[in-house]
Amino acid sequence: IGIDLSDEMLSAADFKAKGEISFIKS
């Protein structure tokens, strides 16, 4: 599970993970 505050960082992370990792903004 990944947590980050940056929308831009999370967007890049989600693109790379192809939906296989859950990301949370916090």
PDB file of all heavy atoms in Angstrom:
ATOM      1  N   ILE A   1       0.869  -1.171   0.000  1.00  0.00           N
ATOM      2  CA  ILE A   1       0.000   0.000   0.000  1.00  0.00           C
ATOM      3  C   ILE A   1       0.908   1.223   0.000  1.00  0.00           C
ATOM      4  O   ILE A   1       1.871   1.288   0.776  1.00  0.00           O
ATOM      5  CB  ILE A   1      -0.902   0.036   1.247  1.00  0.00           C
ATOM      6  CG1 ILE A   1      -1.799  -1.202   1.293  1.00  0.00           C
ATOM      7  CG2 ILE A   1      -1.738   1.311   1.284  1.00  0.00           C
ATOM      8  CD1 ILE A   1      -2.533  -1.363   2.622  1.00  0.00           C
ATOM      9  N   GLY A   2       0.645   2.177  -0.875  1.00  0.00           N
ATOM     10  CA  GLY A   2       1.456   3.391  -0.935  1.00  0.00           C
ATOM     11  C   GLY A   2       0.679   4.604  -0.464  1.00  0.00           C
ATOM     12  O   GLY A   2      -0.518   4.729  -0.748  1.00  0.00           O
ATOM     13  N   ILE A   3       1.361   5.486   0.268  1.00  0.00           N
ATOM     14  CA  ILE A   3       0.769   6.749   0.712  1.00  0.00           C
ATOM     15  C   ILE A   3       1.662   7.897   0.279  1.00  0.00           C
ATOM     16  O   ILE A   3       2.881   7.842   0.453  1.00  0.00           O
ATOM     17  CB  ILE A   3       0.584   6.781   2.242  1.00  0.00           C
ATOM     18  CG1 ILE A   3      -0.577   5.875   2.666  1.00  0.00           C
ATOM     19  CG2 ILE A   3       0.340   8.202   2.745  1.00  0.00           C
ATOM     20  CD1 ILE A   3      -0.838   5.873   4.162  1.00  0.00           C
ATOM     21  N   ASP A   4       1.050   8.944  -0.271  1.00  0.00           N
ATOM     22  CA  ASP A   4       1.783  10.164  -0.599  1.00  0.00           C
ATOM     23  C   ASP A   4       0.782  11.320  -0.623  1.00  0.00           C
ATOM     24  O   ASP A   4      -0.421  11.100  -0.791  1.00  0.00           O
ATOM     25  CB  ASP A   4       2.495  10.040  -1.947  1.00  0.00           C
ATOM     26  CG  ASP A   4       3.680  10.982  -2.069  1.00  0.00           C
ATOM     27  OD1 ASP A   4       3.482  12.150  -2.450  1.00  0.00           O
ATOM     28  OD2 ASP A   4       4.814  10.555  -1.770  1.00  0.00           O
ATOM     29  N   LEU A   5       1.299  12.533  -0.471  1.00  0.00           N
ATOM     30  CA  LEU A   5       0.432  13.712  -0.459  1.00  0.00           C
ATOM     31  C   LEU A   5       0.277  14.345  -1.828  1.00  0.00           C
ATOM     32  O   LEU A   5      -0.682  15.063  -2.082  1.00  0.00           O
ATOM     33  CB  LEU A   5       0.990  14.750   0.527  1.00  0.00           C
ATOM     34  CG  LEU A   5       0.156  16.012   0.744  1.00  0.00           C
ATOM     35  CD1 LEU A   5      -1.242  15.671   1.259  1.00  0.00           C
ATOM     36  CD2 LEU A   5       0.863  16.950   1.724  1.00  0.00           C
ATOM     37  N   SER A   6       1.212  14.053  -2.743  1.00  0.00           N
ATOM     38  CA  SER A   6       1.230  14.712  -4.044  1.00  0.00           C
ATOM     39  C   SER A   6       0.359  13.973  -5.059  1.00  0.00           C
ATOM     40  O   SER A   6       0.587  12.794  -5.357  1.00  0.00           O
ATOM     41  CB  SER A   6       2.670  14.792  -4.571  1.00  0.00           C
ATOM     42  OG  SER A   6       2.694  15.129  -5.938  1.00  0.00           O
ATOM     43  N   ASP A   7      -0.636  14.673  -5.614  1.00  0.00           N
ATOM     44  CA  ASP A   7      -1.466  14.084  -6.664  1.00  0.00           C
ATOM     45  C   ASP A   7      -0.626  13.663  -7.856  1.00  0.00           C
ATOM     46  O   ASP A   7      -0.866  12.613  -8.468  1.00  0.00           O
ATOM     47  CB  ASP A   7      -2.526  15.091  -7.118  1.00  0.00           C
ATOM     48  CG  ASP A   7      -3.625  15.303  -6.084  1.00  0.00           C
ATOM     49  OD1 ASP A   7      -4.074  14.310  -5.488  1.00  0.00           O
ATOM     50  OD2 ASP A   7      -4.022  16.465  -5.878  1.00  0.00           O
ATOM     51  N   GLU A   8       0.347  14.500  -8.201  1.00  0.00           N
ATOM     52  CA  GLU A   8       1.174  14.216  -9.378  1.00  0.00           C
ATOM     53  C   GLU A   8       2.040  12.983  -9.168  1.00  0.00           C
ATOM     54  O   GLU A   8       2.193  12.148 -10.066  1.00  0.00           O
ATOM     55  CB  GLU A   8       2.047  15.437  -9.694  1.00  0.00           C
ATOM     56  CG  GLU A   8       1.277  16.640 -10.229  1.00  0.00           C
ATOM     57  CD  GLU A   8       0.524  17.388  -9.136  1.00  0.00           C
ATOM     58  OE1 GLU A   8       0.864  17.195  -7.945  1.00  0.00           O
ATOM     59  OE2 GLU A   8      -0.394  18.149  -9.468  1.00  0.00           O
ATOM     60  N   MET A   9       2.624  12.867  -7.980  1.00  0.00           N
ATOM     61  CA  MET A   9       3.423  11.680  -7.671  1.00  0.00           C
ATOM     62  C   MET A   9       2.554  10.424  -7.703  1.00  0.00           C
ATOM     63  O   MET A   9       2.939   9.393  -8.272  1.00  0.00           O
ATOM     64  CB  MET A   9       4.076  11.832  -6.295  1.00  0.00           C
ATOM     65  CG  MET A   9       5.168  12.875  -6.226  1.00  0.00           C
ATOM     66  SD  MET A   9       6.696  12.311  -7.011  1.00  0.00           S
ATOM     67  CE  MET A   9       7.865  13.503  -6.317  1.00  0.00           C
ATOM     68  N   LEU A  10       1.385  10.494  -7.085  1.00  0.00           N
ATOM     69  CA  LEU A  10       0.498   9.333  -7.038  1.00  0.00           C
ATOM     70  C   LEU A  10       0.002   8.946  -8.427  1.00  0.00           C
ATOM     71  O   LEU A  10      -0.160   7.759  -8.722  1.00  0.00           O
ATOM     72  CB  LEU A  10      -0.688   9.621  -6.117  1.00  0.00           C
ATOM     73  CG  LEU A  10      -0.369   9.679  -4.623  1.00  0.00           C
ATOM     74  CD1 LEU A  10      -1.590  10.135  -3.837  1.00  0.00           C
ATOM     75  CD2 LEU A  10       0.115   8.327  -4.109  1.00  0.00           C
ATOM     76  N   SER A  11      -0.241   9.938  -9.265  1.00  0.00           N
ATOM     77  CA  SER A  11      -0.663   9.651 -10.633  1.00  0.00           C
ATOM     78  C   SER A  11       0.419   8.875 -11.376  1.00  0.00           C
ATOM     79  O   SER A  11       0.126   7.885 -12.067  1.00  0.00           O
ATOM     80  CB  SER A  11      -0.985  10.952 -11.369  1.00  0.00           C
ATOM     81  OG  SER A  11      -1.357  10.696 -12.708  1.00  0.00           O
ATOM     82  N   ALA A  12       1.677   9.306 -11.216  1.00  0.00           N
ATOM     83  CA  ALA A  12       2.788   8.597 -11.846  1.00  0.00           C
ATOM     84  C   ALA A  12       2.926   7.190 -11.279  1.00  0.00           C
ATOM     85  O   ALA A  12       3.171   6.229 -12.010  1.00  0.00           O
ATOM     86  CB  ALA A  12       4.080   9.382 -11.649  1.00  0.00           C
ATOM     87  N   ALA A  13       2.772   7.063  -9.962  1.00  0.00           N
ATOM     88  CA  ALA A  13       2.893   5.757  -9.314  1.00  0.00           C
ATOM     89  C   ALA A  13       1.805   4.803  -9.797  1.00  0.00           C
ATOM     90  O   ALA A  13       2.070   3.629 -10.103  1.00  0.00           O
ATOM     91  CB  ALA A  13       2.833   5.925  -7.801  1.00  0.00           C
ATOM     92  N   ASP A  14       0.588   5.285  -9.871  1.00  0.00           N
ATOM     93  CA  ASP A  14      -0.527   4.440 -10.295  1.00  0.00           C
ATOM     94  C   ASP A  14      -0.367   3.998 -11.739  1.00  0.00           C
ATOM     95  O   ASP A  14      -0.674   2.852 -12.091  1.00  0.00           O
ATOM     96  CB  ASP A  14      -1.841   5.205 -10.112  1.00  0.00           C
ATOM     97  CG  ASP A  14      -3.053   4.304 -10.247  1.00  0.00           C
ATOM     98  OD1 ASP A  14      -3.103   3.255  -9.578  1.00  0.00           O
ATOM     99  OD2 ASP A  14      -3.965   4.650 -11.024  1.00  0.00           O
ATOM    100  N   PHE A  15       0.143   4.889 -12.585  1.00  0.00           N
ATOM    101  CA  PHE A  15       0.382   4.539 -13.987  1.00  0.00           C
ATOM    102  C   PHE A  15       1.418   3.424 -14.090  1.00  0.00           C
ATOM    103  O   PHE A  15       1.246   2.462 -14.856  1.00  0.00           O
ATOM    104  CB  PHE A  15       0.859   5.772 -14.758  1.00  0.00           C
ATOM    105  CG  PHE A  15       1.194   5.500 -16.191  1.00  0.00           C
ATOM    106  CD1 PHE A  15       0.192   5.396 -17.155  1.00  0.00           C
ATOM    107  CD2 PHE A  15       2.512   5.332 -16.589  1.00  0.00           C
ATOM    108  CE1 PHE A  15       0.499   5.144 -18.487  1.00  0.00           C
ATOM    109  CE2 PHE A  15       2.831   5.071 -17.912  1.00  0.00           C
ATOM    110  CZ  PHE A  15       1.825   4.975 -18.869  1.00  0.00           C
ATOM    111  N   LYS A  16       2.487   3.515 -13.309  1.00  0.00           N
ATOM    112  CA  LYS A  16       3.545   2.511 -13.355  1.00  0.00           C
ATOM    113  C   LYS A  16       3.082   1.170 -12.783  1.00  0.00           C
ATOM    114  O   LYS A  16       3.488   0.110 -13.252  1.00  0.00           O
ATOM    115  CB  LYS A  16       4.776   3.008 -12.588  1.00  0.00           C
ATOM    116  CG  LYS A  16       5.528   4.108 -13.316  1.00  0.00           C
ATOM    117  CD  LYS A  16       6.346   4.969 -12.392  1.00  0.00           C
ATOM    118  CE  LYS A  16       7.419   4.246 -11.651  1.00  0.00           C
ATOM    119  NZ  LYS A  16       8.278   5.157 -10.858  1.00  0.00           N
ATOM    120  N   ALA A  17       2.216   1.232 -11.765  1.00  0.00           N
ATOM    121  CA  ALA A  17       1.789   0.003 -11.090  1.00  0.00           C
ATOM    122  C   ALA A  17       0.665  -0.722 -11.833  1.00  0.00           C
ATOM    123  O   ALA A  17       0.350  -1.869 -11.506  1.00  0.00           O
ATOM    124  CB  ALA A  17       1.335   0.329  -9.680  1.00  0.00           C
ATOM    125  N   LYS A  18       0.059  -0.048 -12.808  1.00  0.00           N
ATOM    126  CA  LYS A  18      -1.006  -0.659 -13.626  1.00  0.00           C
ATOM    127  C   LYS A  18      -2.135  -1.228 -12.763  1.00  0.00           C
ATOM    128  O   LYS A  18      -2.679  -2.297 -13.047  1.00  0.00           O
ATOM    129  CB  LYS A  18      -0.420  -1.737 -14.529  1.00  0.00           C
ATOM    130  CG  LYS A  18       0.573  -1.212 -15.551  1.00  0.00           C
ATOM    131  CD  LYS A  18       1.116  -2.337 -16.413  1.00  0.00           C
ATOM    132  CE  LYS A  18       1.974  -1.807 -17.552  1.00  0.00           C
ATOM    133  NZ  LYS A  18       3.163  -1.072 -17.118  1.00  0.00           N
ATOM    134  N   GLY A  19      -2.453  -0.513 -11.688  1.00  0.00           N
ATOM    135  CA  GLY A  19      -3.571  -0.918 -10.850  1.00  0.00           C
ATOM    136  C   GLY A  19      -3.296  -2.053  -9.895  1.00  0.00           C
ATOM    137  O   GLY A  19      -4.215  -2.523  -9.204  1.00  0.00           O
ATOM    138  N   GLU A  20      -2.057  -2.512  -9.809  1.00  0.00           N
ATOM    139  CA  GLU A  20      -1.741  -3.663  -8.965  1.00  0.00           C
ATOM    140  C   GLU A  20      -1.319  -3.272  -7.550  1.00  0.00           C
ATOM    141  O   GLU A  20      -1.050  -4.149  -6.729  1.00  0.00           O
ATOM    142  CB  GLU A  20      -0.636  -4.501  -9.627  1.00  0.00           C
ATOM    143  CG  GLU A  20      -1.072  -5.107 -10.955  1.00  0.00           C
ATOM    144  CD  GLU A  20       0.004  -5.972 -11.573  1.00  0.00           C
ATOM    145  OE1 GLU A  20       1.139  -5.961 -11.064  1.00  0.00           O
ATOM    146  OE2 GLU A  20      -0.297  -6.660 -12.560  1.00  0.00           O
ATOM    147  N   ILE A  21      -1.250  -1.982  -7.262  1.00  0.00           N
ATOM    148  CA  ILE A  21      -0.912  -1.485  -5.929  1.00  0.00           C
ATOM    149  C   ILE A  21      -1.945  -0.439  -5.542  1.00  0.00           C
ATOM    150  O   ILE A  21      -2.359   0.376  -6.367  1.00  0.00           O
ATOM    151  CB  ILE A  21       0.505  -0.871  -5.899  1.00  0.00           C
ATOM    152  CG1 ILE A  21       1.562  -1.940  -6.195  1.00  0.00           C
ATOM    153  CG2 ILE A  21       0.802  -0.208  -4.558  1.00  0.00           C
ATOM    154  CD1 ILE A  21       2.972  -1.380  -6.329  1.00  0.00           C
ATOM    155  N   SER A  22      -2.369  -0.476  -4.285  1.00  0.00           N
ATOM    156  CA  SER A  22      -3.315   0.523  -3.790  1.00  0.00           C
ATOM    157  C   SER A  22      -2.561   1.750  -3.308  1.00  0.00           C
ATOM    158  O   SER A  22      -1.612   1.634  -2.523  1.00  0.00           O
ATOM    159  CB  SER A  22      -4.138  -0.057  -2.631  1.00  0.00           C
ATOM    160  OG  SER A  22      -4.915  -1.150  -3.066  1.00  0.00           O
ATOM    161  N   PHE A  23      -2.963   2.920  -3.784  1.00  0.00           N
ATOM    162  CA  PHE A  23      -2.328   4.164  -3.382  1.00  0.00           C
ATOM    163  C   PHE A  23      -3.365   5.062  -2.703  1.00  0.00           C
ATOM    164  O   PHE A  23      -4.522   5.129  -3.117  1.00  0.00           O
ATOM    165  CB  PHE A  23      -1.719   4.886  -4.581  1.00  0.00           C
ATOM    166  CG  PHE A  23      -0.550   4.152  -5.182  1.00  0.00           C
ATOM    167  CD1 PHE A  23      -0.688   3.470  -6.383  1.00  0.00           C
ATOM    168  CD2 PHE A  23       0.685   4.137  -4.547  1.00  0.00           C
ATOM    169  CE1 PHE A  23       0.385   2.792  -6.935  1.00  0.00           C
ATOM    170  CE2 PHE A  23       1.763   3.470  -5.092  1.00  0.00           C
ATOM    171  CZ  PHE A  23       1.620   2.784  -6.284  1.00  0.00           C
ATOM    172  N   ILE A  24      -2.907   5.750  -1.658  1.00  0.00           N
ATOM    173  CA  ILE A  24      -3.768   6.614  -0.858  1.00  0.00           C
ATOM    174  C   ILE A  24      -3.129   7.987  -0.768  1.00  0.00           C
ATOM    175  O   ILE A  24      -1.920   8.106  -0.549  1.00  0.00           O
ATOM    176  CB  ILE A  24      -3.946   6.042   0.569  1.00  0.00           C
ATOM    177  CG1 ILE A  24      -4.560   4.635   0.508  1.00  0.00           C
ATOM    178  CG2 ILE A  24      -4.780   6.971   1.433  1.00  0.00           C
ATOM    179  CD1 ILE A  24      -4.519   3.905   1.839  1.00  0.00           C
ATOM    180  N   LYS A  25      -3.935   9.034  -0.926  1.00  0.00           N
ATOM    181  CA  LYS A  25      -3.434  10.392  -0.737  1.00  0.00           C
ATOM    182  C   LYS A  25      -3.604  10.794   0.724  1.00  0.00           C
ATOM    183  O   LYS A  25      -4.721  10.804   1.248  1.00  0.00           O
ATOM    184  CB  LYS A  25      -4.175  11.380  -1.634  1.00  0.00           C
ATOM    185  CG  LYS A  25      -3.688  12.825  -1.463  1.00  0.00           C
ATOM    186  CD  LYS A  25      -4.446  13.804  -2.328  1.00  0.00           C
ATOM    187  CE  LYS A  25      -3.945  15.233  -2.084  1.00  0.00           C
ATOM    188  NZ  LYS A  25      -4.654  16.229  -2.897  1.00  0.00           N
ATOM    189  N   SER A  26      -2.489  11.117   1.378  1.00  0.00           N
ATOM    190  CA  SER A  26      -2.555  11.540   2.774  1.00  0.00           C
ATOM    191  C   SER A  26      -1.226  12.129   3.200  1.00  0.00           C
ATOM    192  O   SER A  26      -0.181  11.864   2.597  1.00  0.00           O
ATOM    193  CB  SER A  26      -2.907  10.359   3.686  1.00  0.00           C
ATOM    194  OG  SER A  26      -3.052  10.796   5.030  1.00  0.00           O
TER     195      SER A  26
END
